[in-house]
Amino acid sequence: MFSLDVAQALRNHGVIRLKVYPTISHKIIEILLPLLSQHNPEQFKDYLVIVSEKRAKWIYTT
């Protein structure tokens, strides 16, 4: 039997959007690694995180 928990189905694992220019690997790693090392994966659930060199904006998505 298949059961669906609607609340669980609506949750997302989180999205990280990077605003980096120029878009080269070195710049992306420079911004992304500190963010990932300061937060555990659970903190990203249900959030859109917009990250630039100067700041990170967390937007709750549900």
N, C-alpha and C. Protein backbone atom coordinates (compact mmCIF):
# COMPACT_ATOMS: atom_id res chain seq x y z
N MET A 1 0.85 -1.18 0.00
CA MET A 1 0.00 0.00 0.00
C MET A 1 0.89 1.23 0.00
N PHE A 2 0.50 2.20 -0.75
CA PHE A 2 1.24 3.45 -0.88
C PHE A 2 0.56 4.53 -0.06
N SER A 3 1.32 5.16 0.80
CA SER A 3 0.75 6.28 1.55
C SER A 3 1.64 7.50 1.33
N LEU A 4 1.05 8.64 1.36
CA LEU A 4 1.78 9.87 1.09
C LEU A 4 1.53 10.86 2.21
N ASP A 5 2.59 11.29 2.82
CA ASP A 5 2.51 12.34 3.83
C ASP A 5 2.63 13.66 3.07
N VAL A 6 1.53 14.39 2.99
CA VAL A 6 1.49 15.61 2.18
C VAL A 6 2.51 16.63 2.67
N ALA A 7 2.63 16.80 3.95
CA ALA A 7 3.59 17.77 4.48
C ALA A 7 5.01 17.39 4.07
N GLN A 8 5.32 16.12 4.14
CA GLN A 8 6.67 15.66 3.76
C GLN A 8 6.88 15.83 2.26
N ALA A 9 5.86 15.58 1.47
CA ALA A 9 5.98 15.70 0.02
C ALA A 9 6.21 17.14 -0.41
N LEU A 10 5.70 18.09 0.34
CA LEU A 10 5.85 19.50 0.00
C LEU A 10 7.19 20.09 0.44
N ARG A 11 7.90 19.39 1.30
CA ARG A 11 9.20 19.87 1.77
C ARG A 11 10.23 19.71 0.66
N ASN A 12 11.17 20.61 0.61
CA ASN A 12 12.27 20.43 -0.34
C ASN A 12 13.58 20.39 0.42
N HIS A 13 14.60 19.94 -0.24
CA HIS A 13 15.91 19.80 0.40
C HIS A 13 16.70 21.09 0.40
N GLY A 14 16.14 22.11 -0.20
CA GLY A 14 16.80 23.40 -0.23
C GLY A 14 17.46 23.67 -1.56
N VAL A 15 17.60 24.94 -1.86
CA VAL A 15 18.22 25.38 -3.11
C VAL A 15 19.22 26.47 -2.77
N ILE A 16 20.39 26.38 -3.35
CA ILE A 16 21.40 27.42 -3.19
C ILE A 16 21.62 28.06 -4.55
N ARG A 17 21.43 29.36 -4.60
CA ARG A 17 21.66 30.10 -5.84
C ARG A 17 22.89 30.97 -5.64
N LEU A 18 23.85 30.85 -6.53
CA LEU A 18 25.08 31.62 -6.42
C LEU A 18 25.05 32.79 -7.39
N LYS A 19 25.43 33.96 -6.90
CA LYS A 19 25.59 35.12 -7.75
C LYS A 19 27.09 35.42 -7.79
N VAL A 20 27.73 34.91 -8.83
CA VAL A 20 29.19 35.00 -8.93
C VAL A 20 29.56 35.53 -10.31
N TYR A 21 30.42 36.51 -10.34
CA TYR A 21 30.95 37.00 -11.61
C TYR A 21 32.42 37.31 -11.45
N PRO A 22 33.27 36.81 -12.27
CA PRO A 22 33.01 35.87 -13.37
C PRO A 22 32.72 34.47 -12.82
N THR A 23 31.98 33.69 -13.58
CA THR A 23 31.59 32.35 -13.13
C THR A 23 32.69 31.35 -13.43
N ILE A 24 33.71 31.40 -12.62
CA ILE A 24 34.83 30.46 -12.74
C ILE A 24 34.88 29.62 -11.46
N SER A 25 35.42 28.43 -11.59
CA SER A 25 35.44 27.47 -10.48
C SER A 25 36.03 28.06 -9.20
N HIS A 26 37.12 28.77 -9.33
CA HIS A 26 37.80 29.33 -8.17
C HIS A 26 36.87 30.26 -7.38
N LYS A 27 36.14 31.13 -8.08
CA LYS A 27 35.23 32.07 -7.41
C LYS A 27 34.05 31.35 -6.77
N ILE A 28 33.53 30.33 -7.45
CA ILE A 28 32.40 29.58 -6.92
C ILE A 28 32.80 28.85 -5.64
N ILE A 29 33.93 28.18 -5.66
CA ILE A 29 34.41 27.45 -4.48
C ILE A 29 34.68 28.42 -3.34
N GLU A 30 35.23 29.57 -3.64
CA GLU A 30 35.55 30.58 -2.64
C GLU A 30 34.29 31.04 -1.88
N ILE A 31 33.16 31.05 -2.55
CA ILE A 31 31.90 31.49 -1.93
C ILE A 31 31.13 30.32 -1.32
N LEU A 32 31.11 29.19 -2.01
CA LEU A 32 30.28 28.06 -1.59
C LEU A 32 30.84 27.29 -0.40
N LEU A 33 32.12 27.04 -0.35
CA LEU A 33 32.69 26.23 0.74
C LEU A 33 32.47 26.82 2.13
N PRO A 34 32.70 28.12 2.33
CA PRO A 34 32.43 28.66 3.68
C PRO A 34 30.96 28.52 4.09
N LEU A 35 30.04 28.71 3.15
CA LEU A 35 28.62 28.56 3.46
C LEU A 35 28.31 27.12 3.88
N LEU A 36 28.79 26.16 3.13
CA LEU A 36 28.52 24.76 3.44
C LEU A 36 29.20 24.30 4.72
N SER A 37 30.36 24.84 5.03
CA SER A 37 31.06 24.42 6.24
C SER A 37 30.46 25.02 7.51
N GLN A 38 29.72 26.11 7.39
CA GLN A 38 29.12 26.78 8.56
C GLN A 38 27.72 26.27 8.89
N HIS A 39 27.12 25.46 8.01
CA HIS A 39 25.73 25.02 8.21
C HIS A 39 25.63 23.53 7.95
N ASN A 40 24.76 22.87 8.71
CA ASN A 40 24.52 21.45 8.44
C ASN A 40 23.40 21.32 7.42
N PRO A 41 23.29 20.18 6.74
CA PRO A 41 22.30 20.01 5.67
C PRO A 41 20.85 20.26 6.10
N GLU A 42 20.52 19.95 7.34
CA GLU A 42 19.16 20.16 7.84
C GLU A 42 18.75 21.63 7.78
N GLN A 43 19.70 22.53 7.92
CA GLN A 43 19.38 23.95 7.92
C GLN A 43 18.93 24.46 6.55
N PHE A 44 19.25 23.74 5.49
CA PHE A 44 18.89 24.18 4.15
C PHE A 44 17.50 23.73 3.73
N LYS A 45 16.90 22.80 4.46
CA LYS A 45 15.58 22.29 4.09
C LYS A 45 14.57 23.42 4.05
N ASP A 46 13.81 23.45 2.98
CA ASP A 46 12.74 24.43 2.77
C ASP A 46 13.24 25.87 2.63
N TYR A 47 14.47 26.05 2.25
CA TYR A 47 15.02 27.39 2.05
C TYR A 47 15.62 27.54 0.67
N LEU A 48 15.48 28.74 0.14
CA LEU A 48 16.24 29.19 -1.02
C LEU A 48 17.30 30.11 -0.44
N VAL A 49 18.56 29.81 -0.69
CA VAL A 49 19.65 30.64 -0.18
C VAL A 49 20.34 31.29 -1.38
N ILE A 50 20.29 32.60 -1.41
CA ILE A 50 20.94 33.36 -2.47
C ILE A 50 22.24 33.90 -1.91
N VAL A 51 23.34 33.46 -2.51
CA VAL A 51 24.66 33.76 -1.96
C VAL A 51 25.47 34.58 -2.96
N SER A 52 26.07 35.65 -2.46
CA SER A 52 27.00 36.44 -3.27
C SER A 52 28.28 36.61 -2.46
N GLU A 53 29.21 37.35 -3.00
CA GLU A 53 30.47 37.57 -2.29
C GLU A 53 30.27 38.33 -0.98
N LYS A 54 29.24 39.16 -0.92
CA LYS A 54 29.06 40.03 0.25
C LYS A 54 28.03 39.54 1.25
N ARG A 55 27.08 38.68 0.83
CA ARG A 55 26.04 38.28 1.77
C ARG A 55 25.34 37.01 1.33
N ALA A 56 24.52 36.49 2.24
CA ALA A 56 23.65 35.35 1.95
C ALA A 56 22.26 35.71 2.42
N LYS A 57 21.28 35.54 1.56
CA LYS A 57 19.90 35.83 1.90
C LYS A 57 19.13 34.51 1.95
N TRP A 58 18.49 34.22 3.08
CA TRP A 58 17.74 32.98 3.29
C TRP A 58 16.26 33.29 3.15
N ILE A 59 15.60 32.56 2.24
CA ILE A 59 14.16 32.76 2.00
C ILE A 59 13.45 31.44 2.27
N TYR A 60 12.51 31.47 3.20
CA TYR A 60 11.73 30.28 3.54
C TYR A 60 10.74 30.01 2.41
N THR A 61 10.67 28.78 1.92
CA THR A 61 9.90 28.50 0.71
C THR A 61 8.60 27.74 0.91
N THR A 62 8.20 27.43 2.12
CA THR A 62 6.91 26.74 2.28
C THR A 62 5.98 27.52 3.15
